C-alpha atoms as a PDB file:
ATOM      1  CA  MET A   1     -14.272   1.232  18.413  1.00  0.00           C
ATOM      2  CA  CYS A   2     -15.218  -1.885  16.530  1.00  0.00           C
ATOM      3  CA  PRO A   3     -16.742  -1.798  13.040  1.00  0.00           C
ATOM      4  CA  GLU A   4     -20.432  -1.311  12.424  1.00  0.00           C
ATOM      5  CA  ALA A   5     -22.737  -3.089  14.856  1.00  0.00           C
ATOM      6  CA  GLU A   6     -23.927  -5.663  12.320  1.00  0.00           C
ATOM      7  CA  LEU A   7     -20.433  -7.178  12.145  1.00  0.00           C
ATOM      8  CA  ARG A   8     -20.460 -10.373  14.187  1.00  0.00           C
ATOM      9  CA  VAL A   9     -17.311 -11.944  15.613  1.00  0.00           C
ATOM     10  CA  LEU A  10     -16.876 -15.582  16.638  1.00  0.00           C
ATOM     11  CA  VAL A  11     -14.107 -16.200  19.198  1.00  0.00           C
ATOM     12  CA  VAL A  12     -12.473 -19.649  19.099  1.00  0.00           C
ATOM     13  CA  ASP A  13      -9.904 -20.708  21.706  1.00  0.00           C
ATOM     14  CA  ASP A  14      -9.536 -23.800  23.879  1.00  0.00           C
ATOM     15  CA  HIS A  15      -8.675 -21.808  27.023  1.00  0.00           C
ATOM     16  CA  PRO A  16     -11.993 -20.698  28.603  1.00  0.00           C
ATOM     17  CA  ILE A  17     -10.607 -17.765  30.590  1.00  0.00           C
ATOM     18  CA  TRP A  18      -8.775 -16.337  27.582  1.00  0.00           C
ATOM     19  CA  ARG A  19     -11.748 -16.993  25.280  1.00  0.00           C
ATOM     20  CA  HIS A  20     -14.293 -15.260  27.472  1.00  0.00           C
ATOM     21  CA  SER A  21     -11.909 -12.413  28.300  1.00  0.00           C
ATOM     22  CA  VAL A  22     -11.396 -11.656  24.598  1.00  0.00           C
ATOM     23  CA  ALA A  23     -15.137 -11.909  23.905  1.00  0.00           C
ATOM     24  CA  ALA A  24     -15.927  -9.541  26.790  1.00  0.00           C
ATOM     25  CA  GLY A  25     -13.292  -7.074  25.631  1.00  0.00           C
ATOM     26  CA  LEU A  26     -14.651  -7.083  22.079  1.00  0.00           C
ATOM     27  CA  GLU A  27     -18.149  -6.414  23.361  1.00  0.00           C
ATOM     28  CA  GLU A  28     -16.869  -3.511  25.469  1.00  0.00           C
ATOM     29  CA  ALA A  29     -15.218  -2.144  22.302  1.00  0.00           C
ATOM     30  CA  GLY A  30     -18.587  -2.208  20.543  1.00  0.00           C
ATOM     31  CA  CYS A  31     -18.290  -5.480  18.626  1.00  0.00           C
ATOM     32  CA  ALA A  32     -21.180  -7.917  18.385  1.00  0.00           C
ATOM     33  CA  VAL A  33     -19.904 -11.302  19.554  1.00  0.00           C
ATOM     34  CA  ALA A  34     -21.753 -14.031  17.650  1.00  0.00           C
ATOM     35  CA  GLY A  35     -20.537 -16.701  20.053  1.00  0.00           C
ATOM     36  CA  THR A  36     -17.528 -18.561  21.394  1.00  0.00           C
ATOM     37  CA  ALA A  37     -16.139 -22.048  20.828  1.00  0.00           C
ATOM     38  CA  GLY A  38     -13.515 -24.195  22.507  1.00  0.00           C
ATOM     39  CA  ASP A  39     -12.645 -26.560  19.664  1.00  0.00           C
ATOM     40  CA  GLY A  40     -12.800 -26.836  15.899  1.00  0.00           C
ATOM     41  CA  ALA A  41     -15.968 -28.883  15.636  1.00  0.00           C
ATOM     42  CA  GLN A  42     -17.863 -26.481  17.887  1.00  0.00           C
ATOM     43  CA  ALA A  43     -16.487 -23.520  15.914  1.00  0.00           C
ATOM     44  CA  LEU A  44     -17.858 -24.966  12.670  1.00  0.00           C
ATOM     45  CA  ARG A  45     -21.273 -25.584  14.246  1.00  0.00           C
ATOM     46  CA  VAL A  46     -21.513 -22.102  15.780  1.00  0.00           C
ATOM     47  CA  ALA A  47     -20.310 -20.457  12.565  1.00  0.00           C
ATOM     48  CA  ALA A  48     -22.957 -22.308  10.537  1.00  0.00           C
ATOM     49  CA  ALA A  49     -25.656 -21.186  12.967  1.00  0.00           C
ATOM     50  CA  THR A  50     -24.588 -17.559  13.462  1.00  0.00           C
ATOM     51  CA  ARG A  51     -22.830 -16.623  10.177  1.00  0.00           C
ATOM     52  CA  PRO A  52     -20.150 -14.372  11.731  1.00  0.00           C
ATOM     53  CA  GLY A  53     -18.321 -11.811   9.613  1.00  0.00           C
ATOM     54  CA  VAL A  54     -14.995 -12.470  11.336  1.00  0.00           C
ATOM     55  CA  VAL A  55     -13.752 -15.576  13.139  1.00  0.00           C
ATOM     56  CA  LEU A  56     -10.999 -14.915  15.667  1.00  0.00           C
ATOM     57  CA  LEU A  57      -9.261 -18.295  15.736  1.00  0.00           C
ATOM     58  CA  ASP A  58      -6.517 -19.914  17.788  1.00  0.00           C
ATOM     59  CA  LEU A  59      -4.239 -22.299  15.860  1.00  0.00           C
ATOM     60  CA  ASN A  60      -3.849 -24.941  18.550  1.00  0.00           C
ATOM     61  CA  LEU A  61      -7.206 -26.595  19.188  1.00  0.00           C
ATOM     62  CA  PRO A  62      -7.741 -30.011  20.788  1.00  0.00           C
ATOM     63  CA  ASP A  63      -9.509 -31.720  17.878  1.00  0.00           C
ATOM     64  CA  MET A  64      -8.069 -30.190  14.704  1.00  0.00           C
ATOM     65  CA  SER A  65      -5.564 -27.567  13.641  1.00  0.00           C
ATOM     66  CA  GLY A  66      -6.544 -23.957  13.180  1.00  0.00           C
ATOM     67  CA  ALA A  67      -5.484 -24.240   9.531  1.00  0.00           C
ATOM     68  CA  GLU A  68      -7.953 -27.090   8.987  1.00  0.00           C
ATOM     69  CA  VAL A  69     -10.719 -25.139  10.726  1.00  0.00           C
ATOM     70  CA  THR A  70      -9.919 -22.190   8.460  1.00  0.00           C
ATOM     71  CA  ARG A  71     -10.239 -24.335   5.340  1.00  0.00           C
ATOM     72  CA  ARG A  72     -13.575 -25.753   6.485  1.00  0.00           C
ATOM     73  CA  LEU A  73     -14.950 -22.345   7.475  1.00  0.00           C
ATOM     74  CA  LEU A  74     -14.121 -20.915   4.059  1.00  0.00           C
ATOM     75  CA  ALA A  75     -15.510 -23.955   2.267  1.00  0.00           C
ATOM     76  CA  ALA A  76     -18.830 -23.418   4.070  1.00  0.00           C
ATOM     77  CA  ASP A  77     -18.832 -19.611   3.748  1.00  0.00           C
ATOM     78  CA  PRO A  78     -16.283 -18.065   1.349  1.00  0.00           C
ATOM     79  CA  GLY A  79     -17.166 -14.589   2.599  1.00  0.00           C
ATOM     80  CA  VAL A  80     -16.079 -15.132   6.203  1.00  0.00           C
ATOM     81  CA  ARG A  81     -12.824 -13.526   7.344  1.00  0.00           C
ATOM     82  CA  VAL A  82     -10.569 -15.662   9.523  1.00  0.00           C
ATOM     83  CA  LEU A  83      -8.145 -13.794  11.772  1.00  0.00           C
ATOM     84  CA  ILE A  84      -5.632 -16.011  13.564  1.00  0.00           C
ATOM     85  CA  LEU A  85      -4.803 -15.058  17.160  1.00  0.00           C
ATOM     86  CA  SER A  86      -2.073 -17.411  18.367  1.00  0.00           C
ATOM     87  CA  ALA A  87       0.727 -17.630  20.902  1.00  0.00           C
ATOM     88  CA  SER A  88       2.980 -18.885  18.094  1.00  0.00           C
ATOM     89  CA  GLY A  89       4.840 -16.668  15.692  1.00  0.00           C
ATOM     90  CA  GLU A  90       6.694 -19.564  14.099  1.00  0.00           C
ATOM     91  CA  ARG A  91       7.242 -19.322  10.358  1.00  0.00           C
ATOM     92  CA  GLN A  92       5.499 -22.597   9.469  1.00  0.00           C
ATOM     93  CA  ASP A  93       2.467 -21.843  11.637  1.00  0.00           C
ATOM     94  CA  VAL A  94       2.025 -18.478   9.928  1.00  0.00           C
ATOM     95  CA  LEU A  95       2.436 -19.937   6.432  1.00  0.00           C
ATOM     96  CA  ASP A  96       0.064 -22.833   7.160  1.00  0.00           C
ATOM     97  CA  ALA A  97      -2.604 -20.368   8.284  1.00  0.00           C
ATOM     98  CA  MET A  98      -2.202 -18.127   5.262  1.00  0.00           C
ATOM     99  CA  THR A  99      -2.159 -21.099   2.893  1.00  0.00           C
ATOM    100  CA  ALA A 100      -5.475 -22.210   4.391  1.00  0.00           C
ATOM    101  CA  GLY A 101      -6.965 -18.806   3.553  1.00  0.00           C
ATOM    102  CA  ALA A 102      -6.678 -16.757   6.755  1.00  0.00           C
ATOM    103  CA  THR A 103      -7.026 -13.010   6.274  1.00  0.00           C
ATOM    104  CA  GLY A 104      -4.446 -12.177   8.922  1.00  0.00           C
ATOM    105  CA  TYR A 105      -2.310 -13.366  11.813  1.00  0.00           C
ATOM    106  CA  LEU A 106      -1.719 -11.778  15.215  1.00  0.00           C
ATOM    107  CA  VAL A 107       0.269 -13.100  18.155  1.00  0.00           C
ATOM    108  CA  LYS A 108      -1.395 -13.040  21.561  1.00  0.00           C
ATOM    109  CA  SER A 109       1.155 -10.575  22.905  1.00  0.00           C
ATOM    110  CA  ALA A 110      -0.495  -7.855  20.784  1.00  0.00           C
ATOM    111  CA  GLN A 111      -2.184  -4.974  22.573  1.00  0.00           C
ATOM    112  CA  PHE A 112      -5.963  -5.255  22.765  1.00  0.00           C
ATOM    113  CA  SER A 113      -6.319  -2.041  20.785  1.00  0.00           C
ATOM    114  CA  GLU A 114      -4.309  -3.734  18.018  1.00  0.00           C
ATOM    115  CA  LEU A 115      -6.700  -6.677  18.116  1.00  0.00           C
ATOM    116  CA  VAL A 116      -9.757  -4.461  17.744  1.00  0.00           C
ATOM    117  CA  ALA A 117      -8.106  -2.608  14.846  1.00  0.00           C
ATOM    118  CA  ALA A 118      -7.212  -5.957  13.261  1.00  0.00           C
ATOM    119  CA  VAL A 119     -10.828  -7.133  13.479  1.00  0.00           C
ATOM    120  CA  ARG A 120     -11.890  -3.941  11.701  1.00  0.00           C
ATOM    121  CA  SER A 121      -9.290  -4.429   8.970  1.00  0.00           C
ATOM    122  CA  ALA A 122     -10.055  -8.121   8.556  1.00  0.00           C
ATOM    123  CA  ALA A 123     -13.748  -7.337   8.165  1.00  0.00           C
ATOM    124  CA  ALA A 124     -12.802  -5.072   5.237  1.00  0.00           C
ATOM    125  CA  GLY A 125     -10.795  -7.905   3.676  1.00  0.00           C
ATOM    126  CA  GLU A 126      -7.426  -6.344   4.439  1.00  0.00           C
ATOM    127  CA  ALA A 127      -4.459  -8.563   5.302  1.00  0.00           C
ATOM    128  CA  VAL A 128      -3.417  -8.009   8.928  1.00  0.00           C
ATOM    129  CA  PHE A 129      -0.169  -9.170  10.514  1.00  0.00           C
ATOM    130  CA  THR A 130       1.782  -8.696  13.703  1.00  0.00           C
ATOM    131  CA  PRO A 131       4.759  -6.468  12.776  1.00  0.00           C
ATOM    132  CA  GLY A 132       7.500  -8.596  11.269  1.00  0.00           C
ATOM    133  CA  LEU A 133       5.238 -11.372   9.999  1.00  0.00           C
ATOM    134  CA  ALA A 134       4.066  -9.591   6.834  1.00  0.00           C
ATOM    135  CA  GLY A 135       7.597  -9.591   5.437  1.00  0.00           C
ATOM    136  CA  LEU A 136       7.925 -13.281   6.215  1.00  0.00           C
ATOM    137  CA  VAL A 137       4.764 -14.151   4.308  1.00  0.00           C
ATOM    138  CA  LEU A 138       5.512 -11.961   1.290  1.00  0.00           C
ATOM    139  CA  GLY A 139       9.074 -13.253   1.186  1.00  0.00           C
ATOM    140  CA  GLU A 140       7.835 -16.832   1.072  1.00  0.00           C
ATOM    141  CA  TYR A 141       5.345 -16.054  -1.686  1.00  0.00           C
ATOM    142  CA  ARG A 142       8.091 -14.411  -3.732  1.00  0.00           C
ATOM    143  CA  ARG A 143      10.390 -17.388  -3.220  1.00  0.00           C
ATOM    144  CA  LEU A 144       7.734 -19.882  -4.311  1.00  0.00           C
ATOM    145  CA  ALA A 145       6.703 -17.790  -7.295  1.00  0.00           C
ATOM    146  CA  ALA A 146      10.306 -17.406  -8.455  1.00  0.00           C
ATOM    147  CA  GLY A 147      11.168 -21.047  -7.911  1.00  0.00           C
ATOM    148  CA  SER A 148       8.051 -22.763  -9.171  1.00  0.00           C
ATOM    149  CA  GLY A 149       6.510 -20.441 -11.756  1.00  0.00           C
ATOM    150  CA  ALA A 150       2.939 -19.228 -11.937  1.00  0.00           C
ATOM    151  CA  ASP A 151       1.487 -22.727 -11.780  1.00  0.00           C
ATOM    152  CA  ALA A 152       2.733 -23.264  -8.236  1.00  0.00           C
ATOM    153  CA  GLY A 153       2.111 -21.465  -4.998  1.00  0.00           C
ATOM    154  CA  LEU A 154       0.232 -21.583  -1.762  1.00  0.00           C
ATOM    155  CA  GLY A 155      -3.452 -22.382  -1.605  1.00  0.00           C
ATOM    156  CA  ALA A 156      -6.158 -21.077  -3.851  1.00  0.00           C
ATOM    157  CA  ALA A 157      -4.277 -18.228  -5.472  1.00  0.00           C
ATOM    158  CA  GLY A 158      -2.568 -20.557  -7.911  1.00  0.00           C
ATOM    159  CA  SER A 159      -5.842 -22.141  -8.954  1.00  0.00           C
ATOM    160  CA  THR A 160      -7.209 -19.240 -10.996  1.00  0.00           C
ATOM    161  CA  ARG A 161      -5.610 -17.045 -13.639  1.00  0.00           C
ATOM    162  CA  ALA A 162      -6.969 -13.877 -15.102  1.00  0.00           C
ATOM    163  CA  ALA A 163      -6.229 -12.273 -18.415  1.00  0.00           C
ATOM    164  CA  GLY A 164      -4.966  -8.762 -17.866  1.00  0.00           C
ATOM    165  CA  PRO A 165      -5.691  -5.796 -20.151  1.00  0.00           C
ATOM    166  CA  GLY A 166      -4.482  -6.544 -23.659  1.00  0.00           C
ATOM    167  CA  ARG A 167      -4.009 -10.221 -22.877  1.00  0.00           C
ATOM    168  CA  PRO A 168      -6.339 -12.584 -24.771  1.00  0.00           C
ATOM    169  CA  ALA A 169      -8.856 -14.303 -22.537  1.00  0.00           C
ATOM    170  CA  SER A 170      -9.549 -17.956 -23.184  1.00  0.00           C
ATOM    171  CA  SER A 171     -12.996 -19.442 -22.714  1.00  0.00           C
ATOM    172  CA  GLY A 172     -14.090 -19.171 -19.085  1.00  0.00           C
ATOM    173  CA  GLN A 173     -10.988 -17.185 -18.077  1.00  0.00           C
ATOM    174  CA  PRO A 174     -11.749 -14.063 -16.000  1.00  0.00           C
ATOM    175  CA  ARG A 175     -10.475 -10.756 -17.377  1.00  0.00           C
ATOM    176  CA  LEU A 176      -9.432  -7.835 -15.204  1.00  0.00           C
ATOM    177  CA  THR A 177     -10.036  -4.281 -16.327  1.00  0.00           C
ATOM    178  CA  GLU A 178      -7.141  -1.823 -16.551  1.00  0.00           C
ATOM    179  CA  ARG A 179      -8.295  -0.161 -13.329  1.00  0.00           C
ATOM    180  CA  GLU A 180      -8.619  -3.476 -11.485  1.00  0.00           C
ATOM    181  CA  THR A 181      -5.107  -4.443 -12.596  1.00  0.00           C
ATOM    182  CA  GLU A 182      -3.776  -1.045 -11.499  1.00  0.00           C
ATOM    183  CA  VAL A 183      -5.395  -1.370  -8.069  1.00  0.00           C
ATOM    184  CA  LEU A 184      -4.149  -4.956  -7.758  1.00  0.00           C
ATOM    185  CA  ARG A 185      -0.581  -3.831  -8.475  1.00  0.00           C
ATOM    186  CA  LEU A 186      -0.752  -1.216  -5.722  1.00  0.00           C
ATOM    187  CA  VAL A 187      -2.325  -3.657  -3.258  1.00  0.00           C
ATOM    188  CA  ALA A 188       0.572  -6.056  -3.940  1.00  0.00           C
ATOM    189  CA  LYS A 189       2.988  -3.254  -3.047  1.00  0.00           C
ATOM    190  CA  GLY A 190       1.410  -3.085   0.417  1.00  0.00           C
ATOM    191  CA  MET A 191      -0.505   0.158  -0.015  1.00  0.00           C
ATOM    192  CA  THR A 192      -3.682   0.700   1.987  1.00  0.00           C
ATOM    193  CA  TYR A 193      -7.049   1.557   0.432  1.00  0.00           C
ATOM    194  CA  PRO A 194      -6.815   5.248   1.458  1.00  0.00           C
ATOM    195  CA  GLU A 195      -3.277   5.478   0.011  1.00  0.00           C
ATOM    196  CA  ILE A 196      -4.403   3.915  -3.271  1.00  0.00           C
ATOM    197  CA  ALA A 197      -7.436   6.192  -3.365  1.00  0.00           C
ATOM    198  CA  ALA A 198      -5.266   9.302  -2.925  1.00  0.00           C
ATOM    199  CA  LEU A 199      -2.835   8.179  -5.634  1.00  0.00           C
ATOM    200  CA  LEU A 200      -5.533   7.332  -8.176  1.00  0.00           C
ATOM    201  CA  VAL A 201      -7.876  10.178  -7.179  1.00  0.00           C
ATOM    202  CA  LEU A 202     -10.656   7.799  -6.178  1.00  0.00           C
ATOM    203  CA  SER A 203     -12.661   7.306  -3.007  1.00  0.00           C
ATOM    204  CA  PRO A 204     -11.538   4.523  -0.612  1.00  0.00           C
ATOM    205  CA  ARG A 205     -14.958   2.906  -1.157  1.00  0.00           C
ATOM    206  CA  THR A 206     -14.332   2.777  -4.920  1.00  0.00           C
ATOM    207  CA  VAL A 207     -10.945   1.164  -4.336  1.00  0.00           C
ATOM    208  CA  GLN A 208     -12.545  -1.394  -2.030  1.00  0.00           C
ATOM    209  CA  ASN A 209     -15.173  -2.125  -4.687  1.00  0.00           C
ATOM    210  CA  HIS A 210     -12.447  -2.763  -7.277  1.00  0.00           C
ATOM    211  CA  VAL A 211     -10.729  -5.154  -4.869  1.00  0.00           C
ATOM    212  CA  GLN A 212     -13.971  -6.983  -4.127  1.00  0.00           C
ATOM    213  CA  ASN A 213     -14.740  -7.315  -7.847  1.00  0.00           C
ATOM    214  CA  THR A 214     -11.262  -8.714  -8.446  1.00  0.00           C
ATOM    215  CA  LEU A 215     -11.664 -11.213  -5.613  1.00  0.00           C
ATOM    216  CA  ILE A 216     -14.934 -12.404  -7.131  1.00  0.00           C
ATOM    217  CA  LYS A 217     -13.460 -12.706 -10.631  1.00  0.00           C
ATOM    218  CA  LEU A 218     -10.439 -14.678  -9.393  1.00  0.00           C
ATOM    219  CA  GLN A 219     -12.479 -16.762  -6.941  1.00  0.00           C
ATOM    220  CA  LEU A 220     -10.239 -15.724  -4.062  1.00  0.00           C
ATOM    221  CA  HIS A 221     -11.279 -15.167  -0.466  1.00  0.00           C
ATOM    222  CA  ASN A 222      -9.184 -12.323   0.926  1.00  0.00           C
ATOM    223  CA  LYS A 223      -6.544  -9.683   0.347  1.00  0.00           C
ATOM    224  CA  ALA A 224      -3.703 -11.974   1.380  1.00  0.00           C
ATOM    225  CA  GLN A 225      -4.575 -14.405  -1.408  1.00  0.00           C
ATOM    226  CA  LEU A 226      -4.884 -11.470  -3.800  1.00  0.00           C
ATOM    227  CA  VAL A 227      -1.338 -10.332  -2.980  1.00  0.00           C
ATOM    228  CA  ARG A 228      -0.112 -13.882  -3.495  1.00  0.00           C
ATOM    229  CA  TYR A 229      -1.841 -14.041  -6.883  1.00  0.00           C
ATOM    230  CA  ALA A 230      -0.301 -10.742  -7.982  1.00  0.00           C
ATOM    231  CA  LEU A 231       3.179 -11.911  -7.045  1.00  0.00           C
ATOM    232  CA  GLU A 232       2.736 -15.218  -8.862  1.00  0.00           C
ATOM    233  CA  GLN A 233       1.545 -13.440 -11.995  1.00  0.00           C
ATOM    234  CA  GLY A 234       4.299 -10.840 -11.907  1.00  0.00           C
ATOM    235  CA  ILE A 235       1.879  -7.956 -11.259  1.00  0.00           C
ATOM    236  CA  GLU A 236       4.153  -5.719  -9.174  1.00  0.00           C
END
């Protein structure tokens, strides 16, 4: 089943049969489909009008790249989750999408049940990848962090620094609590919210609240950017 009924999904793909098939399948699974779009410009218009919680987005659109659509969607609504659904599993395509701020990346060969589960996870702000792609992304983040230092990196994660516990905070610099730093470290290790909750003897909802508070403090959009930030700052 899809997440709660109030979650609205926008499906964006330039192939009408595929687009409508995915939308119909999501509705059958209990998702509320906010609308569909066949190109980037239409996706931005429909998103502005319907305010979806998750945008299921193809990378190859006729008028602009999926990465550019992702950037524009997040600029208009930082709370939206963008889940890429593409035929391509190429390294650069994946990295471009994640740099733009996508929450996750699935290839179109995924089972439909995997897609529905990914929509649920993306709605919760969890990074979602086709098996094999998560290691690629984390490996690239580690390489960039090691080679360029904390001032470099992909996308927005390098734009904000937080003072950790015991680290002096300069004027205007966000400060993470000890618990937020602890949760961030475990998120960076790839643990799920339930796993973190069991380890720290918290409820999964409390863990999610800590993650959301950290995202707000760091001005980040999703869990993937949070992992990138943690790696850049050496929080592992």
